Amino acid sequence: MAAKQRVAREKWYQRGSAPYEHVTPSLFIAKYVLLVLMLIISIGPFVWQLSTAFKGASEDIYSFPPRLIPDAPTWDNFAQVARIVPIWDYGLHSLYVALATVVTNAVFCTIAGFALACMQFRFKKVIMGIFLSTLLLPGEVTLTSQYLTVKSLGVDNTLVGVWLPGAIGAMNVLLMAVSCRMIPKEILDAATIDGANTWQRIRYVVWPNVRGMVSVVALFSFIGAWDDFLWPLVVLNDPAKYTLTVGMQYLQSNFGANPRVVAAGTIIALVPIIIIFSTMQRYFFRGVEEGAVKG
């Protein structure tokens, strides 16, 4: 019996975890206190915003401790947002940009990732270094050059101009390159020997094995395009073409004295993201965890 316990203890240590019987009550309590604290920090602002959106004008939203359950929940704040801002038009604009961003990132980042990971060509390391260097710069640094490029192409103040800089993300290309690199070289070589060209290898060998990572890229691309505020604000000057996030800024500037309406607008902008992530989370985590080739 002692030998079995020693073997079990060694296995626990090899996994990097202490045996369960060594977890003291104080450590157990500290672990859950930390989890609760992280939970409050993570979702606390959203819960407070949601509560504020449903509170009437007579309720105090700044009371301490905060009262998260409204005394008389009301939809008036949401109705006022709908009367002031053309939500459906702005939402469709954001949806067009987000879907276009998802398609281009899923397709072109897969192709670029395959090229960086599985093909040999001159200046490959230089190109990889350029991709990595772009991740070191904040987006505000390239804002002026992006605007000048979009303006020179004649697509400023259009949804195409909003979509174009995010059509291919450097991080997404690197994610797809890592996923493609996990595919055994022997499989690609076998496809080449069988007569498959580059596009056929991508279609029949690479794509089935990187679909999980593509779902991760698609989800990141959709959320990034939907939530983007600064770039649409810069490139669009016609209020009729605003995306939802820029349109909601109108509430902040004109109804800053009524945070209930601002909170309602924020919740409206968040609802599509919540729906998308809740329906796609299994594909997201599967894409993060899955390996290269499935048996």
Protein backbone atom coordinates (compact mmCIF):
# COMPACT_ATOMS: atom_id res chain seq x y z
CA MET A 1 0.00 0.00 0.00
CA ALA A 2 2.80 2.41 0.88
CA ALA A 3 4.48 1.70 -2.44
CA LYS A 4 1.27 2.46 -4.35
CA GLN A 5 0.84 5.75 -2.48
CA ARG A 6 4.44 6.68 -3.26
CA VAL A 7 3.94 5.94 -6.95
CA ALA A 8 0.71 7.96 -7.01
CA ARG A 9 2.46 10.87 -5.27
CA GLU A 10 5.29 10.79 -7.81
CA LYS A 11 2.78 10.91 -10.66
CA TRP A 12 1.13 13.95 -9.10
CA TYR A 13 4.46 15.72 -8.80
CA GLN A 14 5.32 14.85 -12.39
CA ARG A 15 2.12 16.55 -13.50
CA GLY A 16 3.15 19.67 -11.64
CA SER A 17 0.39 19.40 -9.00
CA ALA A 18 0.56 18.51 -5.35
CA PRO A 19 -1.49 15.55 -4.08
CA TYR A 20 -5.02 16.49 -3.07
CA GLU A 21 -4.43 15.45 0.53
CA HIS A 22 -1.64 18.05 0.77
CA VAL A 23 -4.05 20.93 -0.01
CA THR A 24 -4.57 22.69 3.29
CA PRO A 25 -7.87 24.40 4.21
CA SER A 26 -6.22 27.82 4.02
CA LEU A 27 -4.91 27.11 0.51
CA PHE A 28 -8.34 25.84 -0.52
CA ILE A 29 -10.02 29.02 0.76
CA ALA A 30 -7.38 31.28 -0.80
CA LYS A 31 -7.89 29.60 -4.17
CA TYR A 32 -11.61 30.25 -4.23
CA VAL A 33 -11.26 33.77 -2.85
CA LEU A 34 -8.90 34.51 -5.74
CA LEU A 35 -11.35 32.97 -8.23
CA VAL A 36 -14.22 35.07 -6.87
CA LEU A 37 -12.07 38.20 -6.97
CA MET A 38 -11.12 37.56 -10.60
CA LEU A 39 -14.78 36.91 -11.42
CA ILE A 40 -15.82 40.23 -9.91
CA ILE A 41 -13.11 42.11 -11.77
CA SER A 42 -13.96 40.38 -15.06
CA ILE A 43 -17.74 40.58 -15.17
CA GLY A 44 -18.45 43.21 -12.52
CA PRO A 45 -18.46 46.20 -14.92
CA PHE A 46 -20.71 44.37 -17.38
CA VAL A 47 -23.21 43.40 -14.67
CA TRP A 48 -23.28 46.97 -13.38
CA GLN A 49 -23.80 48.29 -16.92
CA LEU A 50 -26.61 45.81 -17.52
CA SER A 51 -28.27 46.79 -14.26
CA THR A 52 -27.98 50.49 -15.10
CA ALA A 53 -29.59 49.96 -18.50
CA PHE A 54 -32.77 48.63 -16.86
CA LYS A 55 -33.04 51.21 -14.07
CA GLY A 56 -35.57 54.01 -14.21
CA ALA A 57 -34.88 57.70 -13.74
CA SER A 58 -35.92 57.60 -10.07
CA GLU A 59 -33.39 54.93 -9.08
CA ASP A 60 -29.94 55.80 -7.79
CA ILE A 61 -27.28 54.12 -9.92
CA TYR A 62 -24.38 55.31 -7.78
CA SER A 63 -25.45 53.86 -4.44
CA PHE A 64 -22.91 51.89 -2.44
CA PRO A 65 -22.99 48.99 -2.14
CA PRO A 66 -24.48 48.92 -5.63
CA ARG A 67 -27.96 47.52 -6.08
CA LEU A 68 -27.68 45.30 -9.12
CA ILE A 69 -31.35 44.33 -9.26
CA PRO A 70 -33.54 47.25 -10.37
CA ASP A 71 -36.60 48.00 -8.25
CA ALA A 72 -38.77 48.49 -11.34
CA PRO A 73 -37.01 47.21 -14.49
CA THR A 74 -37.89 49.21 -17.59
CA TRP A 75 -37.24 49.06 -21.31
CA ASP A 76 -37.60 52.83 -21.73
CA ASN A 77 -33.84 53.37 -21.98
CA PHE A 78 -33.57 50.91 -24.87
CA ALA A 79 -36.58 52.48 -26.57
CA GLN A 80 -35.00 55.91 -26.28
CA VAL A 81 -31.80 54.59 -27.88
CA ALA A 82 -33.84 53.18 -30.76
CA ARG A 83 -35.60 56.51 -31.24
CA ILE A 84 -32.37 58.51 -31.29
CA VAL A 85 -29.98 56.23 -33.19
CA PRO A 86 -30.78 54.21 -36.37
CA ILE A 87 -29.69 50.98 -34.71
CA TRP A 88 -30.66 48.63 -37.52
CA ASP A 89 -28.77 50.59 -40.19
CA TYR A 90 -25.66 50.96 -38.05
CA GLY A 91 -25.88 47.31 -37.01
CA LEU A 92 -26.05 46.20 -40.65
CA HIS A 93 -23.01 48.33 -41.46
CA SER A 94 -21.06 46.69 -38.64
CA LEU A 95 -22.27 43.27 -39.77
CA TYR A 96 -21.15 43.85 -43.36
CA VAL A 97 -17.68 44.92 -42.23
CA ALA A 98 -17.39 42.06 -39.73
CA LEU A 99 -18.47 39.34 -42.18
CA ALA A 100 -16.14 40.64 -44.90
CA THR A 101 -13.30 40.68 -42.38
CA VAL A 102 -14.04 37.11 -41.34
CA VAL A 103 -14.07 35.83 -44.93
CA THR A 104 -10.85 37.53 -46.01
CA ASN A 105 -8.97 36.57 -42.85
CA ALA A 106 -10.14 32.95 -43.00
CA VAL A 107 -9.13 32.55 -46.66
CA PHE A 108 -6.05 34.70 -47.12
CA CYS A 109 -4.53 34.07 -43.68
CA THR A 110 -4.78 30.33 -44.32
CA ILE A 111 -2.98 30.72 -47.65
CA ALA A 112 -0.34 33.02 -46.18
CA GLY A 113 0.13 30.77 -43.16
CA PHE A 114 0.65 27.77 -45.44
CA ALA A 115 3.22 29.68 -47.48
CA LEU A 116 5.18 30.75 -44.39
CA ALA A 117 5.06 27.34 -42.74
CA CYS A 118 5.31 24.81 -45.56
CA MET A 119 6.88 26.47 -48.58
CA GLN A 120 10.46 27.50 -49.27
CA PHE A 121 11.20 30.82 -50.95
CA ARG A 122 13.69 33.67 -50.78
CA PHE A 123 13.50 36.19 -47.94
CA LYS A 124 11.16 33.95 -45.99
CA LYS A 125 12.78 34.86 -42.66
CA VAL A 126 12.67 38.54 -43.55
CA ILE A 127 8.95 38.36 -44.26
CA MET A 128 8.37 36.47 -41.02
CA GLY A 129 10.32 39.16 -39.19
CA ILE A 130 8.15 41.86 -40.77
CA PHE A 131 5.01 40.11 -39.60
CA LEU A 132 6.40 39.82 -36.09
CA SER A 133 7.51 43.46 -36.05
CA THR A 134 4.00 44.67 -36.88
CA LEU A 135 2.80 43.12 -33.62
CA LEU A 136 5.16 45.35 -31.65
CA LEU A 137 3.55 48.56 -32.90
CA PRO A 138 0.26 49.88 -31.50
CA GLY A 139 -2.43 50.48 -34.06
CA GLU A 140 -2.38 54.24 -33.48
CA VAL A 141 1.15 54.44 -34.94
CA THR A 142 -0.02 53.35 -38.40
CA LEU A 143 -3.32 55.21 -38.29
CA THR A 144 -2.13 58.13 -40.43
CA SER A 145 -0.51 55.93 -43.08
CA GLN A 146 -3.61 53.74 -43.24
CA TYR A 147 -5.84 56.75 -43.75
CA LEU A 148 -3.60 58.17 -46.49
CA THR A 149 -3.60 54.78 -48.23
CA VAL A 150 -7.37 54.45 -48.04
CA LYS A 151 -7.83 58.02 -49.22
CA SER A 152 -5.49 57.52 -52.18
CA LEU A 153 -7.54 54.47 -53.18
CA GLY A 154 -10.69 56.59 -53.12
CA VAL A 155 -12.51 54.45 -50.54
CA ASP A 156 -12.46 56.86 -47.62
CA ASN A 157 -15.86 57.51 -46.07
CA THR A 158 -17.02 54.07 -47.24
CA LEU A 159 -17.50 50.72 -45.54
CA VAL A 160 -14.83 49.32 -47.85
CA GLY A 161 -12.39 51.76 -46.31
CA VAL A 162 -13.42 50.56 -42.85
CA TRP A 163 -12.88 46.92 -43.83
CA LEU A 164 -9.67 47.18 -45.85
CA PRO A 165 -7.00 47.63 -43.09
CA GLY A 166 -8.37 44.63 -41.20
CA ALA A 167 -8.83 42.40 -44.23
CA ILE A 168 -5.71 40.41 -43.27
CA GLY A 169 -4.37 40.43 -39.71
CA ALA A 170 -0.70 39.76 -39.02
CA MET A 171 -1.52 37.86 -35.85
CA ASN A 172 -4.01 35.69 -37.73
CA VAL A 173 -1.38 34.87 -40.37
CA LEU A 174 1.04 33.77 -37.64
CA LEU A 175 -1.64 31.67 -35.95
CA MET A 176 -2.36 29.89 -39.21
CA ALA A 177 1.37 29.44 -39.87
CA VAL A 178 1.77 27.73 -36.49
CA SER A 179 -1.22 25.49 -37.23
CA CYS A 180 0.09 24.60 -40.69
CA ARG A 181 3.54 23.86 -39.28
CA MET A 182 2.01 21.12 -37.12
CA ILE A 183 1.01 19.13 -40.21
CA PRO A 184 3.60 16.38 -40.80
CA LYS A 185 5.78 17.17 -43.78
CA GLU A 186 5.49 13.58 -44.96
CA ILE A 187 1.78 14.00 -45.65
CA LEU A 188 2.36 17.07 -47.81
CA ASP A 189 5.20 15.31 -49.62
CA ALA A 190 2.96 12.33 -50.29
CA ALA A 191 0.29 14.61 -51.77
CA THR A 192 2.93 16.20 -54.00
CA ILE A 193 4.11 12.78 -55.20
CA ASP A 194 0.50 11.89 -55.98
CA GLY A 195 0.37 14.87 -58.32
CA ALA A 196 -1.40 17.44 -56.15
CA ASN A 197 -0.53 21.04 -56.90
CA THR A 198 -0.30 23.78 -54.28
CA TRP A 199 -3.99 24.66 -54.33
CA GLN A 200 -5.01 21.01 -54.11
CA ARG A 201 -2.72 20.49 -51.10
CA ILE A 202 -4.30 23.47 -49.40
CA ARG A 203 -7.82 22.29 -50.23
CA TYR A 204 -7.53 18.58 -49.45
CA VAL A 205 -4.68 18.34 -46.92
CA VAL A 206 -4.20 21.64 -45.13
CA TRP A 207 -7.76 22.90 -44.83
CA PRO A 208 -9.26 19.80 -43.11
CA ASN A 209 -6.52 19.95 -40.49
CA VAL A 210 -6.59 23.68 -39.72
CA ARG A 211 -10.34 24.25 -39.61
CA GLY A 212 -10.22 24.48 -35.84
CA MET A 213 -7.70 27.29 -35.93
CA VAL A 214 -9.67 28.95 -38.72
CA SER A 215 -12.66 29.11 -36.37
CA VAL A 216 -10.45 30.85 -33.80
CA VAL A 217 -9.26 33.34 -36.43
CA ALA A 218 -12.83 33.91 -37.62
CA LEU A 219 -14.08 34.59 -34.10
CA PHE A 220 -11.23 36.98 -33.30
CA SER A 221 -11.75 38.75 -36.62
CA PHE A 222 -15.48 39.19 -36.09
CA ILE A 223 -15.10 40.52 -32.55
CA GLY A 224 -12.28 42.86 -33.57
CA ALA A 225 -14.18 44.27 -36.55
CA TRP A 226 -17.45 44.63 -34.63
CA ASP A 227 -15.85 46.34 -31.63
CA ASP A 228 -13.52 48.61 -33.59
CA PHE A 229 -14.22 52.25 -32.83
CA LEU A 230 -11.19 54.41 -33.59
CA TRP A 231 -10.64 53.49 -37.23
CA PRO A 232 -14.30 53.83 -38.36
CA LEU A 233 -14.42 57.15 -36.51
CA VAL A 234 -11.40 58.37 -38.49
CA VAL A 235 -12.35 57.12 -41.94
CA LEU A 236 -16.10 57.88 -41.87
CA ASN A 237 -17.47 61.42 -41.88
CA ASP A 238 -21.03 60.74 -43.07
CA PRO A 239 -23.32 59.86 -40.13
CA ALA A 240 -25.47 57.77 -42.48
CA LYS A 241 -22.54 55.35 -42.94
CA TYR A 242 -21.52 54.98 -39.30
CA THR A 243 -20.97 51.57 -37.77
CA LEU A 244 -22.74 50.67 -34.55
CA THR A 245 -19.87 51.50 -32.21
CA VAL A 246 -19.38 54.95 -33.74
CA GLY A 247 -23.11 55.57 -33.75
CA MET A 248 -23.33 54.74 -30.05
CA GLN A 249 -20.73 57.42 -29.35
CA TYR A 250 -23.47 59.91 -30.23
CA LEU A 251 -25.23 58.83 -27.05
CA GLN A 252 -22.13 59.48 -24.98
CA SER A 253 -21.67 62.97 -26.40
CA ASN A 254 -25.32 64.04 -26.24
CA PHE A 255 -26.65 62.04 -23.32
CA GLY A 256 -23.66 61.92 -21.04
CA ALA A 257 -25.85 63.29 -18.25
CA ASN A 258 -28.08 60.22 -18.54
CA PRO A 259 -25.83 57.17 -18.10
CA ARG A 260 -28.87 54.89 -18.24
CA VAL A 261 -29.35 55.58 -21.95
CA VAL A 262 -25.61 55.24 -22.58
CA ALA A 263 -25.61 51.89 -20.74
CA ALA A 264 -28.56 50.70 -22.82
CA GLY A 265 -26.71 51.58 -26.02
CA THR A 266 -23.64 49.72 -24.80
CA ILE A 267 -25.67 46.60 -24.06
CA ILE A 268 -27.26 46.75 -27.52
CA ALA A 269 -23.80 46.85 -29.10
CA LEU A 270 -22.63 43.92 -26.93
CA VAL A 271 -25.56 41.59 -27.57
CA PRO A 272 -24.34 40.31 -30.99
CA ILE A 273 -20.87 39.59 -29.57
CA ILE A 274 -22.37 37.65 -26.66
CA ILE A 275 -24.57 35.63 -29.03
CA ILE A 276 -21.72 34.88 -31.43
CA PHE A 277 -19.32 33.78 -28.71
CA SER A 278 -21.91 31.71 -26.84
CA THR A 279 -22.79 29.80 -30.02
CA MET A 280 -19.21 29.49 -31.29
CA GLN A 281 -17.31 28.86 -28.07
CA ARG A 282 -17.16 25.08 -28.53
CA TYR A 283 -15.52 25.57 -31.93
CA PHE A 284 -13.21 28.19 -30.44
CA PHE A 285 -11.91 25.95 -27.66
CA ARG A 286 -11.78 22.96 -29.98
CA GLY A 287 -9.66 24.97 -32.39
CA VAL A 288 -7.29 26.01 -29.62
CA GLU A 289 -6.87 22.47 -28.31
CA GLU A 290 -6.88 20.32 -31.42
CA GLY A 291 -3.68 19.04 -32.95
CA ALA A 292 -2.65 19.01 -36.55
CA VAL A 293 -3.84 15.74 -38.06
CA LYS A 294 -6.85 13.87 -36.79
CA GLY A 295 -6.80 10.11 -37.03
